[in-house]
Amino acid sequence: MKEYKNLNPADFGLNSRVKLVLLTDKNIGIVKTRKSRIVMKDGGKIVSIASKIREKNPETAITLVISGPICSKTIKYLKESDINFTSVEEL
């Protein structure tokens, strides 16, 4: 995996446990590393995090960087919320 610059979540008004990385100048990644599947409850939290990031940087694209599987309903929900996703291995 390529090394990306870590961002301070406090700069966006987020909890310090949220891991953010700068993927490109116009793309911020929300990193979720876990073995269990990401479900709709997690999707709601991810959309909330993305909206706080977009309040500070409205032109920034948001990408979810995941290490495990993701529920099909959550995939649809994230796409509707304009959040891309990729696996950790693809980076």
PDB file of N, CA and C in Angstrom:
ATOM      1  N   MET A   1       0.843  -1.185   0.000  1.00  0.00           N
ATOM      2  CA  MET A   1       0.000   0.000   0.000  1.00  0.00           C
ATOM      3  C   MET A   1       0.882   1.240   0.000  1.00  0.00           C
ATOM      4  N   LYS A   2       0.565   2.159  -0.849  1.00  0.00           N
ATOM      5  CA  LYS A   2       1.275   3.424  -0.915  1.00  0.00           C
ATOM      6  C   LYS A   2       1.013   4.229   0.359  1.00  0.00           C
ATOM      7  N   GLU A   3       1.993   4.975   0.789  1.00  0.00           N
ATOM      8  CA  GLU A   3       1.832   5.803   1.987  1.00  0.00           C
ATOM      9  C   GLU A   3       1.069   7.082   1.629  1.00  0.00           C
ATOM     10  N   TYR A   4       0.042   7.370   2.384  1.00  0.00           N
ATOM     11  CA  TYR A   4      -0.751   8.574   2.193  1.00  0.00           C
ATOM     12  C   TYR A   4      -0.642   9.447   3.430  1.00  0.00           C
ATOM     13  N   LYS A   5      -0.837  10.727   3.238  1.00  0.00           N
ATOM     14  CA  LYS A   5      -0.749  11.669   4.354  1.00  0.00           C
ATOM     15  C   LYS A   5      -1.979  11.521   5.243  1.00  0.00           C
ATOM     16  N   ASN A   6      -1.745  11.318   6.536  1.00  0.00           N
ATOM     17  CA  ASN A   6      -2.844  11.257   7.497  1.00  0.00           C
ATOM     18  C   ASN A   6      -3.345  12.664   7.778  1.00  0.00           C
ATOM     19  N   LEU A   7      -4.641  12.801   7.893  1.00  0.00           N
ATOM     20  CA  LEU A   7      -5.251  14.088   8.206  1.00  0.00           C
ATOM     21  C   LEU A   7      -5.757  14.072   9.641  1.00  0.00           C
ATOM     22  N   ASN A   8      -5.791  15.225  10.257  1.00  0.00           N
ATOM     23  CA  ASN A   8      -6.285  15.355  11.625  1.00  0.00           C
ATOM     24  C   ASN A   8      -7.810  15.446  11.587  1.00  0.00           C
ATOM     25  N   PRO A   9      -8.520  14.465  12.158  1.00  0.00           N
ATOM     26  CA  PRO A   9      -9.985  14.503  12.126  1.00  0.00           C
ATOM     27  C   PRO A   9     -10.574  15.689  12.892  1.00  0.00           C
ATOM     28  N   ALA A  10      -9.837  16.215  13.875  1.00  0.00           N
ATOM     29  CA  ALA A  10     -10.323  17.360  14.643  1.00  0.00           C
ATOM     30  C   ALA A  10     -10.472  18.599  13.754  1.00  0.00           C
ATOM     31  N   ASP A  11      -9.693  18.676  12.675  1.00  0.00           N
ATOM     32  CA  ASP A  11      -9.810  19.805  11.737  1.00  0.00           C
ATOM     33  C   ASP A  11     -11.181  19.849  11.073  1.00  0.00           C
ATOM     34  N   PHE A  12     -11.861  18.710  11.028  1.00  0.00           N
ATOM     35  CA  PHE A  12     -13.182  18.612  10.416  1.00  0.00           C
ATOM     36  C   PHE A  12     -14.284  18.468  11.460  1.00  0.00           C
ATOM     37  N   GLY A  13     -13.939  18.584  12.739  1.00  0.00           N
ATOM     38  CA  GLY A  13     -14.920  18.441  13.808  1.00  0.00           C
ATOM     39  C   GLY A  13     -15.305  16.999  14.067  1.00  0.00           C
ATOM     40  N   LEU A  14     -14.381  16.069  13.796  1.00  0.00           N
ATOM     41  CA  LEU A  14     -14.663  14.640  13.961  1.00  0.00           C
ATOM     42  C   LEU A  14     -13.929  14.073  15.166  1.00  0.00           C
ATOM     43  N   ASN A  15     -14.385  12.918  15.617  1.00  0.00           N
ATOM     44  CA  ASN A  15     -13.763  12.212  16.721  1.00  0.00           C
ATOM     45  C   ASN A  15     -12.337  11.811  16.345  1.00  0.00           C
ATOM     46  N   SER A  16     -11.453  11.776  17.314  1.00  0.00           N
ATOM     47  CA  SER A  16     -10.046  11.467  17.049  1.00  0.00           C
ATOM     48  C   SER A  16      -9.833  10.012  16.620  1.00  0.00           C
ATOM     49  N   ARG A  17     -10.816   9.144  16.807  1.00  0.00           N
ATOM     50  CA  ARG A  17     -10.689   7.743  16.388  1.00  0.00           C
ATOM     51  C   ARG A  17     -10.966   7.540  14.907  1.00  0.00           C
ATOM     52  N   VAL A  18     -11.502   8.547  14.230  1.00  0.00           N
ATOM     53  CA  VAL A  18     -11.765   8.450  12.798  1.00  0.00           C
ATOM     54  C   VAL A  18     -10.431   8.608  12.071  1.00  0.00           C
ATOM     55  N   LYS A  19     -10.139   7.677  11.164  1.00  0.00           N
ATOM     56  CA  LYS A  19      -8.884   7.751  10.421  1.00  0.00           C
ATOM     57  C   LYS A  19      -9.160   8.314   9.033  1.00  0.00           C
ATOM     58  N   LEU A  20      -8.503   9.432   8.737  1.00  0.00           N
ATOM     59  CA  LEU A  20      -8.635  10.094   7.441  1.00  0.00           C
ATOM     60  C   LEU A  20      -7.282  10.161   6.764  1.00  0.00           C
ATOM     61  N   VAL A  21      -7.266   9.938   5.450  1.00  0.00           N
ATOM     62  CA  VAL A  21      -6.038  10.069   4.674  1.00  0.00           C
ATOM     63  C   VAL A  21      -6.317  10.925   3.450  1.00  0.00           C
ATOM     64  N   LEU A  22      -5.293  11.628   3.003  1.00  0.00           N
ATOM     65  CA  LEU A  22      -5.391  12.446   1.792  1.00  0.00           C
ATOM     66  C   LEU A  22      -4.956  11.585   0.622  1.00  0.00           C
ATOM     67  N   LEU A  23      -5.904  11.176  -0.234  1.00  0.00           N
ATOM     68  CA  LEU A  23      -5.601  10.319  -1.378  1.00  0.00           C
ATOM     69  C   LEU A  23      -5.046  11.133  -2.539  1.00  0.00           C
ATOM     70  N   THR A  24      -5.707  12.254  -2.853  1.00  0.00           N
ATOM     71  CA  THR A  24      -5.220  13.223  -3.842  1.00  0.00           C
ATOM     72  C   THR A  24      -5.576  14.601  -3.307  1.00  0.00           C
ATOM     73  N   ASP A  25      -5.248  15.636  -4.067  1.00  0.00           N
ATOM     74  CA  ASP A  25      -5.561  16.991  -3.627  1.00  0.00           C
ATOM     75  C   ASP A  25      -7.062  17.205  -3.439  1.00  0.00           C
ATOM     76  N   LYS A  26      -7.871  16.497  -4.197  1.00  0.00           N
ATOM     77  CA  LYS A  26      -9.324  16.680  -4.146  1.00  0.00           C
ATOM     78  C   LYS A  26     -10.065  15.436  -3.684  1.00  0.00           C
ATOM     79  N   ASN A  27      -9.364  14.516  -2.990  1.00  0.00           N
ATOM     80  CA  ASN A  27      -9.996  13.271  -2.559  1.00  0.00           C
ATOM     81  C   ASN A  27      -9.494  12.885  -1.172  1.00  0.00           C
ATOM     82  N   ILE A  28     -10.432  12.746  -0.228  1.00  0.00           N
ATOM     83  CA  ILE A  28     -10.114  12.343   1.138  1.00  0.00           C
ATOM     84  C   ILE A  28     -10.679  10.951   1.368  1.00  0.00           C
ATOM     85  N   GLY A  29      -9.877  10.088   1.982  1.00  0.00           N
ATOM     86  CA  GLY A  29     -10.295   8.720   2.269  1.00  0.00           C
ATOM     87  C   GLY A  29     -10.650   8.536   3.737  1.00  0.00           C
ATOM     88  N   ILE A  30     -11.768   7.862   3.986  1.00  0.00           N
ATOM     89  CA  ILE A  30     -12.157   7.445   5.331  1.00  0.00           C
ATOM     90  C   ILE A  30     -11.749   5.981   5.430  1.00  0.00           C
ATOM     91  N   VAL A  31     -10.833   5.663   6.330  1.00  0.00           N
ATOM     92  CA  VAL A  31     -10.280   4.312   6.415  1.00  0.00           C
ATOM     93  C   VAL A  31     -11.021   3.504   7.476  1.00  0.00           C
ATOM     94  N   LYS A  32     -11.523   2.341   7.067  1.00  0.00           N
ATOM     95  CA  LYS A  32     -12.190   1.404   7.970  1.00  0.00           C
ATOM     96  C   LYS A  32     -11.500   0.057   7.807  1.00  0.00           C
ATOM     97  N   THR A  33     -10.716  -0.329   8.799  1.00  0.00           N
ATOM     98  CA  THR A  33     -10.047  -1.632   8.746  1.00  0.00           C
ATOM     99  C   THR A  33     -10.707  -2.552   9.753  1.00  0.00           C
ATOM    100  N   ARG A  34     -11.362  -3.577   9.233  1.00  0.00           N
ATOM    101  CA  ARG A  34     -12.031  -4.561  10.072  1.00  0.00           C
ATOM    102  C   ARG A  34     -12.288  -5.806   9.254  1.00  0.00           C
ATOM    103  N   LYS A  35     -12.518  -6.891   9.969  1.00  0.00           N
ATOM    104  CA  LYS A  35     -12.793  -8.162   9.303  1.00  0.00           C
ATOM    105  C   LYS A  35     -14.281  -8.365   9.083  1.00  0.00           C
ATOM    106  N   SER A  36     -15.108  -7.786   9.949  1.00  0.00           N
ATOM    107  CA  SER A  36     -16.553  -7.978   9.827  1.00  0.00           C
ATOM    108  C   SER A  36     -17.120  -7.089   8.719  1.00  0.00           C
ATOM    109  N   ARG A  37     -18.297  -7.444   8.270  1.00  0.00           N
ATOM    110  CA  ARG A  37     -18.943  -6.748   7.161  1.00  0.00           C
ATOM    111  C   ARG A  37     -19.433  -5.371   7.592  1.00  0.00           C
ATOM    112  N   ILE A  38     -19.321  -4.409   6.689  1.00  0.00           N
ATOM    113  CA  ILE A  38     -19.858  -3.065   6.925  1.00  0.00           C
ATOM    114  C   ILE A  38     -21.332  -3.094   6.545  1.00  0.00           C
ATOM    115  N   VAL A  39     -22.203  -2.735   7.498  1.00  0.00           N
ATOM    116  CA  VAL A  39     -23.653  -2.799   7.303  1.00  0.00           C
ATOM    117  C   VAL A  39     -24.238  -1.389   7.305  1.00  0.00           C
ATOM    118  N   MET A  40     -25.561  -1.292   7.180  1.00  0.00           N
ATOM    119  CA  MET A  40     -26.229   0.003   7.046  1.00  0.00           C
ATOM    120  C   MET A  40     -25.967   0.929   8.235  1.00  0.00           C
ATOM    121  N   LYS A  41     -25.887   0.395   9.437  1.00  0.00           N
ATOM    122  CA  LYS A  41     -25.614   1.231  10.603  1.00  0.00           C
ATOM    123  C   LYS A  41     -24.262   1.925  10.431  1.00  0.00           C
ATOM    124  N   ASP A  42     -23.269   1.180   9.946  1.00  0.00           N
ATOM    125  CA  ASP A  42     -21.960   1.761   9.670  1.00  0.00           C
ATOM    126  C   ASP A  42     -22.059   2.772   8.524  1.00  0.00           C
ATOM    127  N   GLY A  43     -22.873   2.460   7.531  1.00  0.00           N
ATOM    128  CA  GLY A  43     -23.048   3.352   6.389  1.00  0.00           C
ATOM    129  C   GLY A  43     -23.578   4.712   6.808  1.00  0.00           C
ATOM    130  N   GLY A  44     -24.513   4.729   7.764  1.00  0.00           N
ATOM    131  CA  GLY A  44     -25.040   5.996   8.276  1.00  0.00           C
ATOM    132  C   GLY A  44     -23.959   6.830   8.938  1.00  0.00           C
ATOM    133  N   LYS A  45     -23.087   6.169   9.685  1.00  0.00           N
ATOM    134  CA  LYS A  45     -21.976   6.885  10.328  1.00  0.00           C
ATOM    135  C   LYS A  45     -20.999   7.417   9.294  1.00  0.00           C
ATOM    136  N   ILE A  46     -20.748   6.643   8.254  1.00  0.00           N
ATOM    137  CA  ILE A  46     -19.820   7.063   7.201  1.00  0.00           C
ATOM    138  C   ILE A  46     -20.373   8.275   6.462  1.00  0.00           C
ATOM    139  N   VAL A  47     -21.661   8.275   6.161  1.00  0.00           N
ATOM    140  CA  VAL A  47     -22.284   9.421   5.491  1.00  0.00           C
ATOM    141  C   VAL A  47     -22.225  10.657   6.390  1.00  0.00           C
ATOM    142  N   SER A  48     -22.397  10.469   7.693  1.00  0.00           N
ATOM    143  CA  SER A  48     -22.301  11.579   8.635  1.00  0.00           C
ATOM    144  C   SER A  48     -20.885  12.164   8.639  1.00  0.00           C
ATOM    145  N   ILE A  49     -19.883  11.304   8.642  1.00  0.00           N
ATOM    146  CA  ILE A  49     -18.485  11.753   8.591  1.00  0.00           C
ATOM    147  C   ILE A  49     -18.232  12.508   7.298  1.00  0.00           C
ATOM    148  N   ALA A  50     -18.729  11.967   6.185  1.00  0.00           N
ATOM    149  CA  ALA A  50     -18.535  12.606   4.882  1.00  0.00           C
ATOM    150  C   ALA A  50     -19.193  13.983   4.835  1.00  0.00           C
ATOM    151  N   SER A  51     -20.360  14.129   5.444  1.00  0.00           N
ATOM    152  CA  SER A  51     -21.037  15.429   5.410  1.00  0.00           C
ATOM    153  C   SER A  51     -20.255  16.474   6.205  1.00  0.00           C
ATOM    154  N   LYS A  52     -19.614  16.057   7.309  1.00  0.00           N
ATOM    155  CA  LYS A  52     -18.798  17.001   8.075  1.00  0.00           C
ATOM    156  C   LYS A  52     -17.563  17.425   7.284  1.00  0.00           C
ATOM    157  N   ILE A  53     -16.987  16.488   6.537  1.00  0.00           N
ATOM    158  CA  ILE A  53     -15.837  16.824   5.699  1.00  0.00           C
ATOM    159  C   ILE A  53     -16.268  17.790   4.598  1.00  0.00           C
ATOM    160  N   ARG A  54     -17.429  17.535   4.011  1.00  0.00           N
ATOM    161  CA  ARG A  54     -17.923  18.390   2.918  1.00  0.00           C
ATOM    162  C   ARG A  54     -18.322  19.781   3.398  1.00  0.00           C
ATOM    163  N   GLU A  55     -18.647  19.927   4.686  1.00  0.00           N
ATOM    164  CA  GLU A  55     -18.930  21.265   5.225  1.00  0.00           C
ATOM    165  C   GLU A  55     -17.684  22.137   5.141  1.00  0.00           C
ATOM    166  N   LYS A  56     -16.525  21.563   5.409  1.00  0.00           N
ATOM    167  CA  LYS A  56     -15.255  22.303   5.360  1.00  0.00           C
ATOM    168  C   LYS A  56     -14.735  22.427   3.933  1.00  0.00           C
ATOM    169  N   ASN A  57     -14.828  21.345   3.147  1.00  0.00           N
ATOM    170  CA  ASN A  57     -14.310  21.309   1.775  1.00  0.00           C
ATOM    171  C   ASN A  57     -15.394  20.782   0.837  1.00  0.00           C
ATOM    172  N   PRO A  58     -16.288  21.640   0.368  1.00  0.00           N
ATOM    173  CA  PRO A  58     -17.417  21.149  -0.435  1.00  0.00           C
ATOM    174  C   PRO A  58     -17.021  20.505  -1.768  1.00  0.00           C
ATOM    175  N   GLU A  59     -15.880  20.876  -2.318  1.00  0.00           N
ATOM    176  CA  GLU A  59     -15.475  20.341  -3.626  1.00  0.00           C
ATOM    177  C   GLU A  59     -14.720  19.024  -3.515  1.00  0.00           C
ATOM    178  N   THR A  60     -14.480  18.544  -2.312  1.00  0.00           N
ATOM    179  CA  THR A  60     -13.686  17.343  -2.092  1.00  0.00           C
ATOM    180  C   THR A  60     -14.510  16.080  -2.301  1.00  0.00           C
ATOM    181  N   ALA A  61     -13.918  15.109  -3.014  1.00  0.00           N
ATOM    182  CA  ALA A  61     -14.536  13.793  -3.174  1.00  0.00           C
ATOM    183  C   ALA A  61     -14.195  12.949  -1.949  1.00  0.00           C
ATOM    184  N   ILE A  62     -15.109  12.073  -1.576  1.00  0.00           N
ATOM    185  CA  ILE A  62     -14.921  11.210  -0.413  1.00  0.00           C
ATOM    186  C   ILE A  62     -14.852   9.762  -0.891  1.00  0.00           C
ATOM    187  N   THR A  63     -13.844   9.034  -0.407  1.00  0.00           N
ATOM    188  CA  THR A  63     -13.692   7.623  -0.732  1.00  0.00           C
ATOM    189  C   THR A  63     -13.584   6.824   0.557  1.00  0.00           C
ATOM    190  N   LEU A  64     -14.364   5.764   0.647  1.00  0.00           N
ATOM    191  CA  LEU A  64     -14.282   4.853   1.776  1.00  0.00           C
ATOM    192  C   LEU A  64     -13.232   3.796   1.445  1.00  0.00           C
ATOM    193  N   VAL A  65     -12.211   3.697   2.278  1.00  0.00           N
ATOM    194  CA  VAL A  65     -11.147   2.709   2.098  1.00  0.00           C
ATOM    195  C   VAL A  65     -11.408   1.593   3.105  1.00  0.00           C
ATOM    196  N   ILE A  66     -11.765   0.404   2.602  1.00  0.00           N
ATOM    197  CA  ILE A  66     -12.180  -0.684   3.478  1.00  0.00           C
ATOM    198  C   ILE A  66     -11.268  -1.893   3.329  1.00  0.00           C
ATOM    199  N   SER A  67     -11.197  -2.682   4.393  1.00  0.00           N
ATOM    200  CA  SER A  67     -10.391  -3.900   4.345  1.00  0.00           C
ATOM    201  C   SER A  67     -11.259  -5.155   4.299  1.00  0.00           C
ATOM    202  N   GLY A  68     -12.536  -5.031   4.606  1.00  0.00           N
ATOM    203  CA  GLY A  68     -13.424  -6.189   4.651  1.00  0.00           C
ATOM    204  C   GLY A  68     -14.581  -6.051   3.678  1.00  0.00           C
ATOM    205  N   PRO A  69     -15.536  -6.970   3.774  1.00  0.00           N
ATOM    206  CA  PRO A  69     -16.700  -6.934   2.883  1.00  0.00           C
ATOM    207  C   PRO A  69     -17.669  -5.820   3.259  1.00  0.00           C
ATOM    208  N   ILE A  70     -18.562  -5.513   2.314  1.00  0.00           N
ATOM    209  CA  ILE A  70     -19.548  -4.467   2.538  1.00  0.00           C
ATOM    210  C   ILE A  70     -20.905  -4.955   2.033  1.00  0.00           C
ATOM    211  N   CYS A  71     -21.945  -4.677   2.785  1.00  0.00           N
ATOM    212  CA  CYS A  71     -23.309  -5.101   2.480  1.00  0.00           C
ATOM    213  C   CYS A  71     -23.788  -4.445   1.177  1.00  0.00           C
ATOM    214  N   SER A  72     -24.549  -5.175   0.369  1.00  0.00           N
ATOM    215  CA  SER A  72     -25.007  -4.648  -0.918  1.00  0.00           C
ATOM    216  C   SER A  72     -25.932  -3.444  -0.748  1.00  0.00           C
ATOM    217  N   LYS A  73     -26.781  -3.443   0.281  1.00  0.00           N
ATOM    218  CA  LYS A  73     -27.645  -2.287   0.531  1.00  0.00           C
ATOM    219  C   LYS A  73     -26.814  -1.067   0.923  1.00  0.00           C
ATOM    220  N   THR A  74     -25.744  -1.302   1.656  1.00  0.00           N
ATOM    221  CA  THR A  74     -24.869  -0.207   2.066  1.00  0.00           C
ATOM    222  C   THR A  74     -24.119   0.347   0.863  1.00  0.00           C
ATOM    223  N   ILE A  75     -23.712  -0.515  -0.059  1.00  0.00           N
ATOM    224  CA  ILE A  75     -23.054  -0.061  -1.282  1.00  0.00           C
ATOM    225  C   ILE A  75     -23.965   0.902  -2.034  1.00  0.00           C
ATOM    226  N   LYS A  76     -25.223   0.529  -2.188  1.00  0.00           N
ATOM    227  CA  LYS A  76     -26.199   1.372  -2.891  1.00  0.00           C
ATOM    228  C   LYS A  76     -26.380   2.703  -2.155  1.00  0.00           C
ATOM    229  N   TYR A  77     -26.481   2.639  -0.824  1.00  0.00           N
ATOM    230  CA  TYR A  77     -26.669   3.836  -0.007  1.00  0.00           C
ATOM    231  C   TYR A  77     -25.474   4.796  -0.127  1.00  0.00           C
ATOM    232  N   LEU A  78     -24.274   4.245  -0.105  1.00  0.00           N
ATOM    233  CA  LEU A  78     -23.082   5.086  -0.224  1.00  0.00           C
ATOM    234  C   LEU A  78     -22.973   5.713  -1.608  1.00  0.00           C
ATOM    235  N   LYS A  79     -23.324   4.949  -2.641  1.00  0.00           N
ATOM    236  CA  LYS A  79     -23.303   5.499  -4.004  1.00  0.00           C
ATOM    237  C   LYS A  79     -24.304   6.646  -4.142  1.00  0.00           C
ATOM    238  N   GLU A  80     -25.490   6.511  -3.542  1.00  0.00           N
ATOM    239  CA  GLU A  80     -26.489   7.570  -3.580  1.00  0.00           C
ATOM    240  C   GLU A  80     -26.001   8.815  -2.838  1.00  0.00           C
ATOM    241  N   SER A  81     -25.141   8.615  -1.833  1.00  0.00           N
ATOM    242  CA  SER A  81     -24.590   9.727  -1.059  1.00  0.00           C
ATOM    243  C   SER A  81     -23.289  10.257  -1.667  1.00  0.00           C
ATOM    244  N   ASP A  82     -22.960   9.808  -2.876  1.00  0.00           N
ATOM    245  CA  ASP A  82     -21.775  10.262  -3.619  1.00  0.00           C
ATOM    246  C   ASP A  82     -20.478   9.944  -2.869  1.00  0.00           C
ATOM    247  N   ILE A  83     -20.412   8.731  -2.333  1.00  0.00           N
ATOM    248  CA  ILE A  83     -19.203   8.255  -1.660  1.00  0.00           C
ATOM    249  C   ILE A  83     -18.685   7.053  -2.443  1.00  0.00           C
ATOM    250  N   ASN A  84     -17.448   7.167  -2.902  1.00  0.00           N
ATOM    251  CA  ASN A  84     -16.802   6.059  -3.612  1.00  0.00           C
ATOM    252  C   ASN A  84     -16.211   5.111  -2.588  1.00  0.00           C
ATOM    253  N   PHE A  85     -15.829   3.934  -3.022  1.00  0.00           N
ATOM    254  CA  PHE A  85     -15.162   3.015  -2.101  1.00  0.00           C
ATOM    255  C   PHE A  85     -14.156   2.184  -2.851  1.00  0.00           C
ATOM    256  N   THR A  86     -13.135   1.781  -2.118  1.00  0.00           N
ATOM    257  CA  THR A  86     -12.068   0.952  -2.655  1.00  0.00           C
ATOM    258  C   THR A  86     -11.526   0.101  -1.520  1.00  0.00           C
ATOM    259  N   SER A  87     -10.855  -0.965  -1.866  1.00  0.00           N
ATOM    260  CA  SER A  87     -10.278  -1.820  -0.830  1.00  0.00           C
ATOM    261  C   SER A  87      -8.850  -1.347  -0.522  1.00  0.00           C
ATOM    262  N   VAL A  88      -8.373  -1.695   0.638  1.00  0.00           N
ATOM    263  CA  VAL A  88      -7.022  -1.318   1.053  1.00  0.00           C
ATOM    264  C   VAL A  88      -6.003  -1.899   0.089  1.00  0.00           C
ATOM    265  N   GLU A  89      -6.256  -3.109  -0.425  1.00  0.00           N
ATOM    266  CA  GLU A  89      -5.318  -3.766  -1.326  1.00  0.00           C
ATOM    267  C   GLU A  89      -5.151  -3.033  -2.645  1.00  0.00           C
ATOM    268  N   GLU A  90      -6.188  -2.311  -3.096  1.00  0.00           N
ATOM    269  CA  GLU A  90      -6.133  -1.612  -4.374  1.00  0.00           C
ATOM    270  C   GLU A  90      -5.321  -0.325  -4.323  1.00  0.00           C
ATOM    271  N   LEU A  91      -5.050   0.170  -3.117  1.00  0.00           N
ATOM    272  CA  LEU A  91      -4.308   1.417  -3.006  1.00  0.00           C
ATOM    273  C   LEU A  91      -2.833   1.219  -3.165  1.00  0.00           C
TER     274      LEU A  91
END
